[in-house]
C-alpha atoms as a PDB file:
ATOM      1  CA  MET A   1     -36.494  43.815  38.488  1.00  0.00           C
ATOM      2  CA  LYS A   2     -37.932  44.634  35.091  1.00  0.00           C
ATOM      3  CA  ARG A   3     -34.616  46.090  33.937  1.00  0.00           C
ATOM      4  CA  LYS A   4     -32.743  42.998  35.099  1.00  0.00           C
ATOM      5  CA  LYS A   5     -35.228  40.762  33.329  1.00  0.00           C
ATOM      6  CA  VAL A   6     -34.988  42.770  30.099  1.00  0.00           C
ATOM      7  CA  TYR A   7     -31.198  42.720  30.347  1.00  0.00           C
ATOM      8  CA  PHE A   8     -31.199  38.945  30.921  1.00  0.00           C
ATOM      9  CA  ILE A   9     -33.527  38.326  27.969  1.00  0.00           C
ATOM     10  CA  THR A  10     -31.399  40.577  25.765  1.00  0.00           C
ATOM     11  CA  VAL A  11     -28.244  38.686  26.717  1.00  0.00           C
ATOM     12  CA  VAL A  12     -29.905  35.329  26.058  1.00  0.00           C
ATOM     13  CA  ILE A  13     -31.232  36.471  22.673  1.00  0.00           C
ATOM     14  CA  GLY A  14     -27.837  37.930  21.770  1.00  0.00           C
ATOM     15  CA  PHE A  15     -26.097  34.721  22.761  1.00  0.00           C
ATOM     16  CA  ALA A  16     -28.594  32.651  20.753  1.00  0.00           C
ATOM     17  CA  ILE A  17     -28.059  34.846  17.681  1.00  0.00           C
ATOM     18  CA  CYS A  18     -24.277  34.494  18.050  1.00  0.00           C
ATOM     19  CA  MET A  19     -24.557  30.709  18.336  1.00  0.00           C
ATOM     20  CA  VAL A  20     -26.773  30.502  15.251  1.00  0.00           C
ATOM     21  CA  GLY A  21     -24.280  32.713  13.425  1.00  0.00           C
ATOM     22  CA  VAL A  22     -21.370  30.510  14.458  1.00  0.00           C
ATOM     23  CA  ILE A  23     -23.177  27.318  13.419  1.00  0.00           C
ATOM     24  CA  PHE A  24     -24.268  28.592  10.016  1.00  0.00           C
ATOM     25  CA  GLY A  25     -21.019  30.481   9.455  1.00  0.00           C
ATOM     26  CA  SER A  26     -18.899  27.471  10.305  1.00  0.00           C
ATOM     27  CA  ARG A  27     -21.002  25.336   7.981  1.00  0.00           C
ATOM     28  CA  LEU A  28     -20.495  27.771   5.109  1.00  0.00           C
ATOM     29  CA  VAL A  29     -16.739  28.042   5.665  1.00  0.00           C
ATOM     30  CA  PHE A  30     -16.462  24.241   5.951  1.00  0.00           C
ATOM     31  CA  GLN A  31     -18.363  23.728   2.688  1.00  0.00           C
ATOM     32  CA  ARG A  32     -16.259  26.225   0.769  1.00  0.00           C
ATOM     33  CA  THR A  33     -12.979  24.872   2.120  1.00  0.00           C
ATOM     34  CA  CYS A  34     -13.431  21.128   2.493  1.00  0.00           C
ATOM     35  CA  GLU A  35     -16.330  19.751   0.448  1.00  0.00           C
ATOM     36  CA  ARG A  36     -15.552  17.782  -2.691  1.00  0.00           C
ATOM     37  CA  ARG A  37     -15.253  19.736  -5.920  1.00  0.00           C
ATOM     38  CA  THR A  38     -13.920  19.316  -9.436  1.00  0.00           C
ATOM     39  CA  THR A  39     -11.119  21.635 -10.523  1.00  0.00           C
ATOM     40  CA  PRO A  40     -10.753  21.848 -14.314  1.00  0.00           C
ATOM     41  CA  TRP A  41      -7.373  21.574 -15.968  1.00  0.00           C
ATOM     42  CA  SER A  42      -5.857  24.727 -17.413  1.00  0.00           C
ATOM     43  CA  ASP A  43      -6.750  25.668 -20.975  1.00  0.00           C
ATOM     44  CA  LEU A  44      -4.106  24.610 -23.487  1.00  0.00           C
ATOM     45  CA  GLY A  45      -4.980  27.630 -25.602  1.00  0.00           C
ATOM     46  CA  THR A  46      -4.046  30.153 -22.917  1.00  0.00           C
ATOM     47  CA  ALA A  47      -1.063  28.278 -21.409  1.00  0.00           C
ATOM     48  CA  ASP A  48       2.482  29.633 -21.710  1.00  0.00           C
ATOM     49  CA  ASP A  49       5.185  27.392 -23.213  1.00  0.00           C
ATOM     50  CA  ASP A  50       6.208  25.702 -19.955  1.00  0.00           C
ATOM     51  CA  GLU A  51       2.623  25.174 -18.815  1.00  0.00           C
ATOM     52  CA  TYR A  52       1.698  23.882 -22.271  1.00  0.00           C
ATOM     53  CA  ARG A  53       4.430  21.217 -22.161  1.00  0.00           C
ATOM     54  CA  ILE A  54       3.403  20.155 -18.654  1.00  0.00           C
ATOM     55  CA  LEU A  55      -0.254  19.904 -19.711  1.00  0.00           C
ATOM     56  CA  ILE A  56       0.647  17.820 -22.763  1.00  0.00           C
ATOM     57  CA  ASP A  57       2.729  15.501 -20.577  1.00  0.00           C
ATOM     58  CA  ALA A  58      -0.122  15.263 -18.045  1.00  0.00           C
ATOM     59  CA  TYR A  59      -2.505  14.111 -20.783  1.00  0.00           C
ATOM     60  CA  LYS A  60       0.094  11.563 -21.917  1.00  0.00           C
ATOM     61  CA  ILE A  61       0.575  10.294 -18.348  1.00  0.00           C
ATOM     62  CA  LYS A  62      -3.181   9.960 -17.920  1.00  0.00           C
ATOM     63  CA  ASN A  63      -3.415   7.878 -21.081  1.00  0.00           C
ATOM     64  CA  GLN A  64      -0.186   5.961 -20.504  1.00  0.00           C
ATOM     65  CA  SER A  65      -0.602   2.280 -19.718  1.00  0.00           C
ATOM     66  CA  ASN A  66      -0.823   1.897 -15.950  1.00  0.00           C
ATOM     67  CA  GLU A  67      -2.420  -0.199 -13.244  1.00  0.00           C
ATOM     68  CA  THR A  68      -5.354   1.331 -11.394  1.00  0.00           C
ATOM     69  CA  VAL A  69      -4.997   0.371  -7.736  1.00  0.00           C
ATOM     70  CA  MET A  70      -7.823   0.531  -5.210  1.00  0.00           C
ATOM     71  CA  ILE A  71      -7.338   0.227  -1.474  1.00  0.00           C
ATOM     72  CA  GLN A  72      -9.690   0.667   1.453  1.00  0.00           C
ATOM     73  CA  ALA A  73      -8.658   3.244   4.028  1.00  0.00           C
ATOM     74  CA  PHE A  74      -9.015   2.643   7.771  1.00  0.00           C
ATOM     75  CA  ASP A  75     -12.492   4.276   7.665  1.00  0.00           C
ATOM     76  CA  ASN A  76     -13.559   2.197   4.620  1.00  0.00           C
ATOM     77  CA  THR A  77     -13.105   5.081   2.153  1.00  0.00           C
ATOM     78  CA  LYS A  78     -11.995   3.703  -1.208  1.00  0.00           C
ATOM     79  CA  LEU A  79      -8.755   5.309  -2.391  1.00  0.00           C
ATOM     80  CA  ILE A  80      -7.432   5.164  -5.948  1.00  0.00           C
ATOM     81  CA  GLY A  81      -3.873   5.257  -7.212  1.00  0.00           C
ATOM     82  CA  HIS A  82      -2.250   4.764 -10.608  1.00  0.00           C
ATOM     83  CA  TYR A  83       0.842   2.562 -10.634  1.00  0.00           C
ATOM     84  CA  TYR A  84       3.525   2.851 -13.339  1.00  0.00           C
ATOM     85  CA  GLU A  85       5.989  -0.029 -13.245  1.00  0.00           C
ATOM     86  CA  ARG A  86       9.342   0.413 -14.967  1.00  0.00           C
ATOM     87  CA  GLU A  87      11.409  -2.333 -13.356  1.00  0.00           C
ATOM     88  CA  LYS A  88      10.608  -5.023 -10.807  1.00  0.00           C
ATOM     89  CA  GLY A  89      12.378  -4.433  -7.501  1.00  0.00           C
ATOM     90  CA  ALA A  90      13.205  -0.825  -8.338  1.00  0.00           C
ATOM     91  CA  PRO A  91      12.548   1.939  -5.789  1.00  0.00           C
ATOM     92  CA  LEU A  92       8.915   3.036  -5.544  1.00  0.00           C
ATOM     93  CA  ILE A  93       8.018   6.709  -5.268  1.00  0.00           C
ATOM     94  CA  VAL A  94       4.550   7.254  -3.760  1.00  0.00           C
ATOM     95  CA  PHE A  95       3.319  10.708  -4.794  1.00  0.00           C
ATOM     96  CA  PHE A  96       0.496  12.898  -3.435  1.00  0.00           C
ATOM     97  CA  HIS A  97      -0.865  15.943  -5.279  1.00  0.00           C
ATOM     98  CA  GLY A  98      -1.920  19.293  -3.815  1.00  0.00           C
ATOM     99  CA  LEU A  99      -5.337  20.284  -2.478  1.00  0.00           C
ATOM    100  CA  TRP A 100      -7.907  20.263  -5.316  1.00  0.00           C
ATOM    101  CA  GLY A 101      -5.072  19.441  -7.667  1.00  0.00           C
ATOM    102  CA  HIS A 102      -4.612  16.500 -10.029  1.00  0.00           C
ATOM    103  CA  SER A 103      -2.152  13.647  -9.634  1.00  0.00           C
ATOM    104  CA  TYR A 104      -1.385  13.629 -13.366  1.00  0.00           C
ATOM    105  CA  LEU A 105      -0.644  17.372 -13.495  1.00  0.00           C
ATOM    106  CA  ASP A 106       1.171  17.734 -10.189  1.00  0.00           C
ATOM    107  CA  GLY A 107       2.980  14.477 -10.860  1.00  0.00           C
ATOM    108  CA  VAL A 108       4.583  15.494 -14.174  1.00  0.00           C
ATOM    109  CA  PRO A 109       8.000  16.361 -12.639  1.00  0.00           C
ATOM    110  CA  ILE A 110       8.386  13.136 -10.658  1.00  0.00           C
ATOM    111  CA  TYR A 111       6.964  11.107 -13.555  1.00  0.00           C
ATOM    112  CA  ARG A 112       9.703  12.463 -15.824  1.00  0.00           C
ATOM    113  CA  ILE A 113      12.396  11.786 -13.214  1.00  0.00           C
ATOM    114  CA  THR A 114      11.256   8.241 -12.395  1.00  0.00           C
ATOM    115  CA  GLN A 115      10.881   7.397 -16.077  1.00  0.00           C
ATOM    116  CA  LYS A 116      14.444   8.531 -16.748  1.00  0.00           C
ATOM    117  CA  HIS A 117      15.862   6.389 -13.918  1.00  0.00           C
ATOM    118  CA  ASN A 118      13.580   3.364 -14.325  1.00  0.00           C
ATOM    119  CA  TRP A 119      12.058   3.850 -10.880  1.00  0.00           C
ATOM    120  CA  ASN A 120       8.481   2.811 -10.181  1.00  0.00           C
ATOM    121  CA  LEU A 121       5.801   5.401  -9.451  1.00  0.00           C
ATOM    122  CA  LEU A 122       2.426   5.448  -7.717  1.00  0.00           C
ATOM    123  CA  LEU A 123       0.294   8.559  -8.260  1.00  0.00           C
ATOM    124  CA  CYS A 124      -2.305   8.702  -5.478  1.00  0.00           C
ATOM    125  CA  ASP A 125      -5.618  10.559  -5.562  1.00  0.00           C
ATOM    126  CA  LEU A 126      -6.310  12.160  -2.189  1.00  0.00           C
ATOM    127  CA  ARG A 127      -9.634  11.379  -0.523  1.00  0.00           C
ATOM    128  CA  ALA A 128     -12.553  13.420  -1.918  1.00  0.00           C
ATOM    129  CA  GLN A 129     -10.449  14.200  -4.974  1.00  0.00           C
ATOM    130  CA  GLY A 130      -9.922  12.598  -8.357  1.00  0.00           C
ATOM    131  CA  ASP A 131     -11.156   9.000  -8.495  1.00  0.00           C
ATOM    132  CA  SER A 132     -10.970   8.435  -4.728  1.00  0.00           C
ATOM    133  CA  GLU A 133     -14.099   8.374  -2.603  1.00  0.00           C
ATOM    134  CA  GLY A 134     -14.978  10.842   0.124  1.00  0.00           C
ATOM    135  CA  GLU A 135     -17.383  13.722   0.608  1.00  0.00           C
ATOM    136  CA  PHE A 136     -14.823  16.164   1.949  1.00  0.00           C
ATOM    137  CA  SER A 137     -11.099  16.718   2.439  1.00  0.00           C
ATOM    138  CA  THR A 138      -9.819  16.685   6.014  1.00  0.00           C
ATOM    139  CA  LEU A 139      -6.852  18.883   5.033  1.00  0.00           C
ATOM    140  CA  GLY A 140      -4.287  16.349   6.196  1.00  0.00           C
ATOM    141  CA  VAL A 141      -5.918  15.068   9.385  1.00  0.00           C
ATOM    142  CA  LEU A 142      -7.065  11.724   7.941  1.00  0.00           C
ATOM    143  CA  GLU A 143      -4.967  11.856   4.779  1.00  0.00           C
ATOM    144  CA  LYS A 144      -1.799  11.192   6.779  1.00  0.00           C
ATOM    145  CA  TYR A 145      -3.295   7.828   7.763  1.00  0.00           C
ATOM    146  CA  ASP A 146      -4.205   7.230   4.110  1.00  0.00           C
ATOM    147  CA  CYS A 147      -0.506   7.683   3.365  1.00  0.00           C
ATOM    148  CA  LEU A 148       0.293   4.934   5.864  1.00  0.00           C
ATOM    149  CA  ASP A 149      -2.318   2.723   4.175  1.00  0.00           C
ATOM    150  CA  TRP A 150      -0.594   3.211   0.819  1.00  0.00           C
ATOM    151  CA  VAL A 151       2.764   2.276   2.362  1.00  0.00           C
ATOM    152  CA  GLU A 152       1.205  -0.891   3.769  1.00  0.00           C
ATOM    153  CA  TRP A 153      -0.197  -1.683   0.310  1.00  0.00           C
ATOM    154  CA  ALA A 154       3.281  -1.285  -1.176  1.00  0.00           C
ATOM    155  CA  GLN A 155       4.821  -3.561   1.442  1.00  0.00           C
ATOM    156  CA  ASN A 156       2.190  -6.224   0.882  1.00  0.00           C
ATOM    157  CA  ARG A 157       2.640  -5.962  -2.885  1.00  0.00           C
ATOM    158  CA  PHE A 158       6.438  -5.733  -3.172  1.00  0.00           C
ATOM    159  CA  GLY A 159       7.760  -7.012   0.153  1.00  0.00           C
ATOM    160  CA  ASP A 160       9.243  -5.232   3.138  1.00  0.00           C
ATOM    161  CA  LYS A 161      12.688  -4.836   1.523  1.00  0.00           C
ATOM    162  CA  ASN A 162      11.581  -2.827  -1.511  1.00  0.00           C
ATOM    163  CA  PRO A 163      12.684   0.836  -1.129  1.00  0.00           C
ATOM    164  CA  ILE A 164       9.856   3.380  -0.794  1.00  0.00           C
ATOM    165  CA  PHE A 165      10.073   7.174  -1.019  1.00  0.00           C
ATOM    166  CA  LEU A 166       7.147   9.409  -0.086  1.00  0.00           C
ATOM    167  CA  MET A 167       6.732  12.644  -2.023  1.00  0.00           C
ATOM    168  CA  GLY A 168       4.131  15.358  -2.334  1.00  0.00           C
ATOM    169  CA  VAL A 169       3.536  18.898  -3.501  1.00  0.00           C
ATOM    170  CA  SER A 170       1.856  21.590  -1.351  1.00  0.00           C
ATOM    171  CA  MET A 171      -0.853  19.866   0.741  1.00  0.00           C
ATOM    172  CA  GLY A 172       0.419  16.501  -0.495  1.00  0.00           C
ATOM    173  CA  ALA A 173       3.905  17.362   0.770  1.00  0.00           C
ATOM    174  CA  SER A 174       2.543  18.321   4.179  1.00  0.00           C
ATOM    175  CA  ILE A 175       0.582  15.066   4.310  1.00  0.00           C
ATOM    176  CA  VAL A 176       3.661  12.876   3.759  1.00  0.00           C
ATOM    177  CA  MET A 177       5.517  14.853   6.432  1.00  0.00           C
ATOM    178  CA  MET A 178       2.543  14.526   8.815  1.00  0.00           C
ATOM    179  CA  SER A 179       2.656  10.751   8.308  1.00  0.00           C
ATOM    180  CA  SER A 180       6.327  10.561   9.287  1.00  0.00           C
ATOM    181  CA  ASP A 181       5.647   9.826  12.971  1.00  0.00           C
ATOM    182  CA  LEU A 182       3.109   7.043  12.352  1.00  0.00           C
ATOM    183  CA  GLU A 183       5.674   4.267  12.763  1.00  0.00           C
ATOM    184  CA  LEU A 184       6.393   3.975   9.059  1.00  0.00           C
ATOM    185  CA  PRO A 185       8.379   0.829   8.212  1.00  0.00           C
ATOM    186  CA  ASP A 186      12.125   0.785   7.545  1.00  0.00           C
ATOM    187  CA  SER A 187      11.384   0.331   3.841  1.00  0.00           C
ATOM    188  CA  VAL A 188      10.504   4.068   3.707  1.00  0.00           C
ATOM    189  CA  TYR A 189      13.934   5.465   2.863  1.00  0.00           C
ATOM    190  CA  GLY A 190      13.044   9.143   2.618  1.00  0.00           C
ATOM    191  CA  ILE A 191      10.472  11.923   2.275  1.00  0.00           C
ATOM    192  CA  ILE A 192      10.502  14.651  -0.392  1.00  0.00           C
ATOM    193  CA  ASP A 193       8.625  17.875   0.349  1.00  0.00           C
ATOM    194  CA  ASP A 194       7.890  20.209  -2.572  1.00  0.00           C
ATOM    195  CA  CYS A 195       6.525  23.547  -1.216  1.00  0.00           C
ATOM    196  CA  GLY A 196       4.813  21.991   1.800  1.00  0.00           C
ATOM    197  CA  PHE A 197       3.718  23.972   4.843  1.00  0.00           C
ATOM    198  CA  THR A 198       4.156  23.732   8.608  1.00  0.00           C
ATOM    199  CA  SER A 199       0.522  23.068   9.513  1.00  0.00           C
ATOM    200  CA  THR A 200      -2.893  23.457   7.956  1.00  0.00           C
ATOM    201  CA  LEU A 201      -3.941  26.160  10.424  1.00  0.00           C
ATOM    202  CA  ASP A 202      -0.691  28.069   9.779  1.00  0.00           C
ATOM    203  CA  VAL A 203      -1.217  28.187   6.023  1.00  0.00           C
ATOM    204  CA  ILE A 204      -4.904  29.109   6.376  1.00  0.00           C
ATOM    205  CA  LYS A 205      -4.023  31.997   8.676  1.00  0.00           C
ATOM    206  CA  GLN A 206      -1.217  33.089   6.371  1.00  0.00           C
ATOM    207  CA  ASN A 207      -3.461  33.319   3.317  1.00  0.00           C
ATOM    208  CA  ASN A 208      -6.548  34.514   5.162  1.00  0.00           C
ATOM    209  CA  ASN A 209      -4.737  37.532   6.598  1.00  0.00           C
ATOM    210  CA  LYS A 210      -3.894  38.776   3.111  1.00  0.00           C
ATOM    211  CA  LYS A 211      -7.509  38.707   1.920  1.00  0.00           C
ATOM    212  CA  ILE A 212      -9.690  40.007   4.727  1.00  0.00           C
ATOM    213  CA  SER A 213     -10.440  43.578   5.701  1.00  0.00           C
ATOM    214  CA  LYS A 214      -8.411  45.143   8.508  1.00  0.00           C
ATOM    215  CA  TYR A 215     -11.693  45.630  10.370  1.00  0.00           C
ATOM    216  CA  ILE A 216     -12.317  41.876  10.609  1.00  0.00           C
ATOM    217  CA  PRO A 217     -10.439  39.931  13.324  1.00  0.00           C
ATOM    218  CA  LYS A 218      -7.607  38.004  11.639  1.00  0.00           C
ATOM    219  CA  ASN A 219      -8.368  34.714  13.366  1.00  0.00           C
ATOM    220  CA  LEU A 220     -12.127  34.810  12.750  1.00  0.00           C
ATOM    221  CA  LEU A 221     -12.271  32.670   9.593  1.00  0.00           C
ATOM    222  CA  PRO A 222      -9.631  30.127  10.736  1.00  0.00           C
ATOM    223  CA  THR A 223     -11.537  29.799  14.012  1.00  0.00           C
ATOM    224  CA  MET A 224     -14.837  29.373  12.145  1.00  0.00           C
ATOM    225  CA  LEU A 225     -13.261  26.733   9.936  1.00  0.00           C
ATOM    226  CA  ASN A 226     -11.863  24.824  12.899  1.00  0.00           C
ATOM    227  CA  VAL A 227     -15.308  24.923  14.517  1.00  0.00           C
ATOM    228  CA  GLY A 228     -16.837  23.747  11.235  1.00  0.00           C
ATOM    229  CA  THR A 229     -14.433  20.831  10.830  1.00  0.00           C
ATOM    230  CA  LYS A 230     -15.254  19.645  14.338  1.00  0.00           C
ATOM    231  CA  ILE A 231     -19.023  19.983  13.937  1.00  0.00           C
ATOM    232  CA  TRP A 232     -19.510  18.966  10.303  1.00  0.00           C
ATOM    233  CA  GLY A 233     -16.429  16.851   9.613  1.00  0.00           C
ATOM    234  CA  SER A 234     -15.635  15.382  13.036  1.00  0.00           C
ATOM    235  CA  PHE A 235     -11.937  16.252  12.782  1.00  0.00           C
ATOM    236  CA  ASP A 236      -9.650  18.767  14.456  1.00  0.00           C
ATOM    237  CA  LEU A 237      -7.293  20.856  12.318  1.00  0.00           C
ATOM    238  CA  SER A 238      -4.764  21.035  15.130  1.00  0.00           C
ATOM    239  CA  ASP A 239      -3.999  17.384  14.299  1.00  0.00           C
ATOM    240  CA  ALA A 240      -2.608  18.430  10.895  1.00  0.00           C
ATOM    241  CA  ASP A 241       0.851  19.597  11.957  1.00  0.00           C
ATOM    242  CA  ALA A 242       3.928  18.610   9.950  1.00  0.00           C
ATOM    243  CA  CYS A 243       6.402  20.203  12.385  1.00  0.00           C
ATOM    244  CA  LYS A 244       5.144  18.119  15.293  1.00  0.00           C
ATOM    245  CA  ALA A 245       5.432  14.936  13.233  1.00  0.00           C
ATOM    246  CA  LEU A 246       8.939  15.692  11.960  1.00  0.00           C
ATOM    247  CA  ALA A 247      10.143  16.243  15.523  1.00  0.00           C
ATOM    248  CA  HIS A 248       9.416  12.575  16.235  1.00  0.00           C
ATOM    249  CA  THR A 249      10.955  10.869  13.216  1.00  0.00           C
ATOM    250  CA  ASP A 250      14.429  10.109  11.898  1.00  0.00           C
ATOM    251  CA  ILE A 251      13.359   9.498   8.287  1.00  0.00           C
ATOM    252  CA  PRO A 252      15.599  11.571   5.950  1.00  0.00           C
ATOM    253  CA  LEU A 253      13.862  14.641   4.539  1.00  0.00           C
ATOM    254  CA  LEU A 254      14.427  16.757   1.426  1.00  0.00           C
ATOM    255  CA  ILE A 255      12.720  20.158   1.410  1.00  0.00           C
ATOM    256  CA  ILE A 256      12.345  22.019  -1.904  1.00  0.00           C
ATOM    257  CA  HIS A 257      10.939  25.521  -1.551  1.00  0.00           C
ATOM    258  CA  GLY A 258      10.684  28.731  -3.556  1.00  0.00           C
ATOM    259  CA  ASP A 259      11.977  31.976  -2.067  1.00  0.00           C
ATOM    260  CA  GLU A 260       9.001  33.870  -3.532  1.00  0.00           C
ATOM    261  CA  ASP A 261       6.323  31.464  -2.295  1.00  0.00           C
ATOM    262  CA  MET A 262       3.361  33.618  -1.327  1.00  0.00           C
ATOM    263  CA  LYS A 263       1.099  30.833  -0.029  1.00  0.00           C
ATOM    264  CA  ALA A 264       3.629  28.987   2.108  1.00  0.00           C
ATOM    265  CA  PRO A 265       6.436  31.503   2.739  1.00  0.00           C
ATOM    266  CA  LEU A 266      10.069  30.433   2.873  1.00  0.00           C
ATOM    267  CA  SER A 267      10.016  30.890   6.643  1.00  0.00           C
ATOM    268  CA  MET A 268       7.845  27.756   6.793  1.00  0.00           C
ATOM    269  CA  ALA A 269      10.548  25.758   5.014  1.00  0.00           C
ATOM    270  CA  TYR A 270      13.103  26.879   7.600  1.00  0.00           C
ATOM    271  CA  LYS A 271      10.715  25.985  10.413  1.00  0.00           C
ATOM    272  CA  LEU A 272      10.154  22.523   8.921  1.00  0.00           C
ATOM    273  CA  TYR A 273      13.905  22.088   8.547  1.00  0.00           C
ATOM    274  CA  ASP A 274      14.537  23.079  12.176  1.00  0.00           C
ATOM    275  CA  SER A 275      11.736  20.784  13.387  1.00  0.00           C
ATOM    276  CA  CYS A 276      13.079  17.714  11.620  1.00  0.00           C
ATOM    277  CA  ASN A 277      14.818  15.349  14.020  1.00  0.00           C
ATOM    278  CA  GLY A 278      16.556  13.309  11.339  1.00  0.00           C
ATOM    279  CA  GLU A 279      18.844  13.824   8.364  1.00  0.00           C
ATOM    280  CA  LYS A 280      17.635  16.787   6.297  1.00  0.00           C
ATOM    281  CA  GLN A 281      18.366  18.929   3.260  1.00  0.00           C
ATOM    282  CA  LEU A 282      16.931  22.246   2.099  1.00  0.00           C
ATOM    283  CA  TYR A 283      17.009  23.274  -1.562  1.00  0.00           C
ATOM    284  CA  ILE A 284      15.801  26.820  -2.277  1.00  0.00           C
ATOM    285  CA  VAL A 285      14.570  27.706  -5.774  1.00  0.00           C
ATOM    286  CA  HIS A 286      15.129  31.382  -6.481  1.00  0.00           C
ATOM    287  CA  GLY A 287      12.227  33.278  -8.036  1.00  0.00           C
ATOM    288  CA  ALA A 288       9.715  30.444  -7.511  1.00  0.00           C
ATOM    289  CA  ASP A 289       6.207  31.062  -6.170  1.00  0.00           C
ATOM    290  CA  HIS A 290       4.030  28.277  -4.751  1.00  0.00           C
ATOM    291  CA  SER A 291       4.146  25.058  -6.815  1.00  0.00           C
ATOM    292  CA  GLU A 292       6.590  26.656  -9.296  1.00  0.00           C
ATOM    293  CA  ASN A 293       9.814  24.972  -8.172  1.00  0.00           C
ATOM    294  CA  TYR A 294      10.092  22.565 -11.100  1.00  0.00           C
ATOM    295  CA  ARG A 295       9.022  25.144 -13.679  1.00  0.00           C
ATOM    296  CA  LYS A 296      11.589  27.664 -12.451  1.00  0.00           C
ATOM    297  CA  ASP A 297      14.479  25.227 -12.070  1.00  0.00           C
ATOM    298  CA  PRO A 298      13.810  21.888 -13.811  1.00  0.00           C
ATOM    299  CA  GLY A 299      17.490  20.940 -13.996  1.00  0.00           C
ATOM    300  CA  GLY A 300      18.245  21.714 -10.364  1.00  0.00           C
ATOM    301  CA  TYR A 301      14.983  20.100  -9.242  1.00  0.00           C
ATOM    302  CA  GLU A 302      15.739  16.844 -11.057  1.00  0.00           C
ATOM    303  CA  LYS A 303      19.334  16.845  -9.836  1.00  0.00           C
ATOM    304  CA  ILE A 304      18.519  17.335  -6.134  1.00  0.00           C
ATOM    305  CA  VAL A 305      15.660  14.778  -6.158  1.00  0.00           C
ATOM    306  CA  THR A 306      17.810  12.210  -7.991  1.00  0.00           C
ATOM    307  CA  LYS A 307      20.769  12.806  -5.690  1.00  0.00           C
ATOM    308  CA  PHE A 308      18.589  12.484  -2.570  1.00  0.00           C
ATOM    309  CA  ILE A 309      17.108   9.169  -3.704  1.00  0.00           C
ATOM    310  CA  GLU A 310      20.405   7.703  -4.889  1.00  0.00           C
ATOM    311  CA  GLU A 311      22.217   8.713  -1.679  1.00  0.00           C
ATOM    312  CA  ARG A 312      19.536   7.108   0.477  1.00  0.00           C
ATOM    313  CA  LEU A 313      19.783   3.908  -1.577  1.00  0.00           C
ATOM    314  CA  ARG A 314      23.576   3.835  -1.143  1.00  0.00           C
ATOM    315  CA  GLN A 315      23.297   4.488   2.600  1.00  0.00           C
ATOM    316  CA  LYS A 316      20.844   1.642   3.077  1.00  0.00           C
ATOM    317  CA  LYS A 317      23.028  -0.653   0.998  1.00  0.00           C
ATOM    318  CA  CYS A 318      26.019   0.132   3.182  1.00  0.00           C
ATOM    319  CA  GLN A 319      23.980  -0.526   6.335  1.00  0.00           C
ATOM    320  CA  THR A 320      22.907  -3.980   5.124  1.00  0.00           C
ATOM    321  CA  PRO A 321      25.158  -6.648   6.712  1.00  0.00           C
ATOM    322  CA  GLY A 322      27.228  -8.569   4.232  1.00  0.00           C
ATOM    323  CA  THR A 323      26.565  -6.175   1.358  1.00  0.00           C
ATOM    324  CA  LYS A 324      29.546  -5.359  -0.863  1.00  0.00           C
ATOM    325  CA  LEU A 325      29.821  -2.022  -2.678  1.00  0.00           C
END
């Protein structure tokens, strides 16, 4: 009896220690991954020529005359965007930056393209980043609904006939794809994905496996994070899945991906392409790592984005009854 009692007590104590470890561990992983932080811009003094030009343009964009827009998300979080109007009635590109990125920096390529073609641009700050409110990022789980809120703002502001294109880079790209099955209005003509990933859990596992020791279970940290998001953030990472969303939408999709992307490997781009239920294009940038597509191929990048937008505009024009070409 004594041995059984000692064994039982040992098991209970061991279980209690494990639970405490899970709770504190999940809290730590959640804080380091999701809680709000400020990421400084790169140093102009150490930047290479391409990075230097992008940084200079980002500072110009930040100081360029624009309209600061504030909306209230479904959970009352205040979200901030910066609207650059070139021509009334022109297509609007709604852009989302990457995780812990900056809308001005990540938005340089699309700013240049929209400026050249007189298209209107909205640079959105993700929740818990930039000027938007929020204590932590939900890694796409709630942000996809924020994307829908921005589309509704655009419709209310410009009418339900004004063309809208959703675009993002990295996490921002995954967010716009995740929003694609939320009954977006017909005014959303297309989605542009620059180095997005299949799902948040997929990309965490992909990058986690390269960093941890072979003696640590590969799924330990992703599991701890998913536990942490449920306990401390009240959201489930399994809800951040771009492939699942794309399987239930017919919105045209352009995927731009580097063949040397180490964070979101090219295989993810193919998986996204195969998952998409609607019209789709895949443009591969040779020699580009994560978030390097524009830097490696600015001419090709501008050409494919411009072509995608212009083709969607022509298609919609042809589908409008009574419209002459």
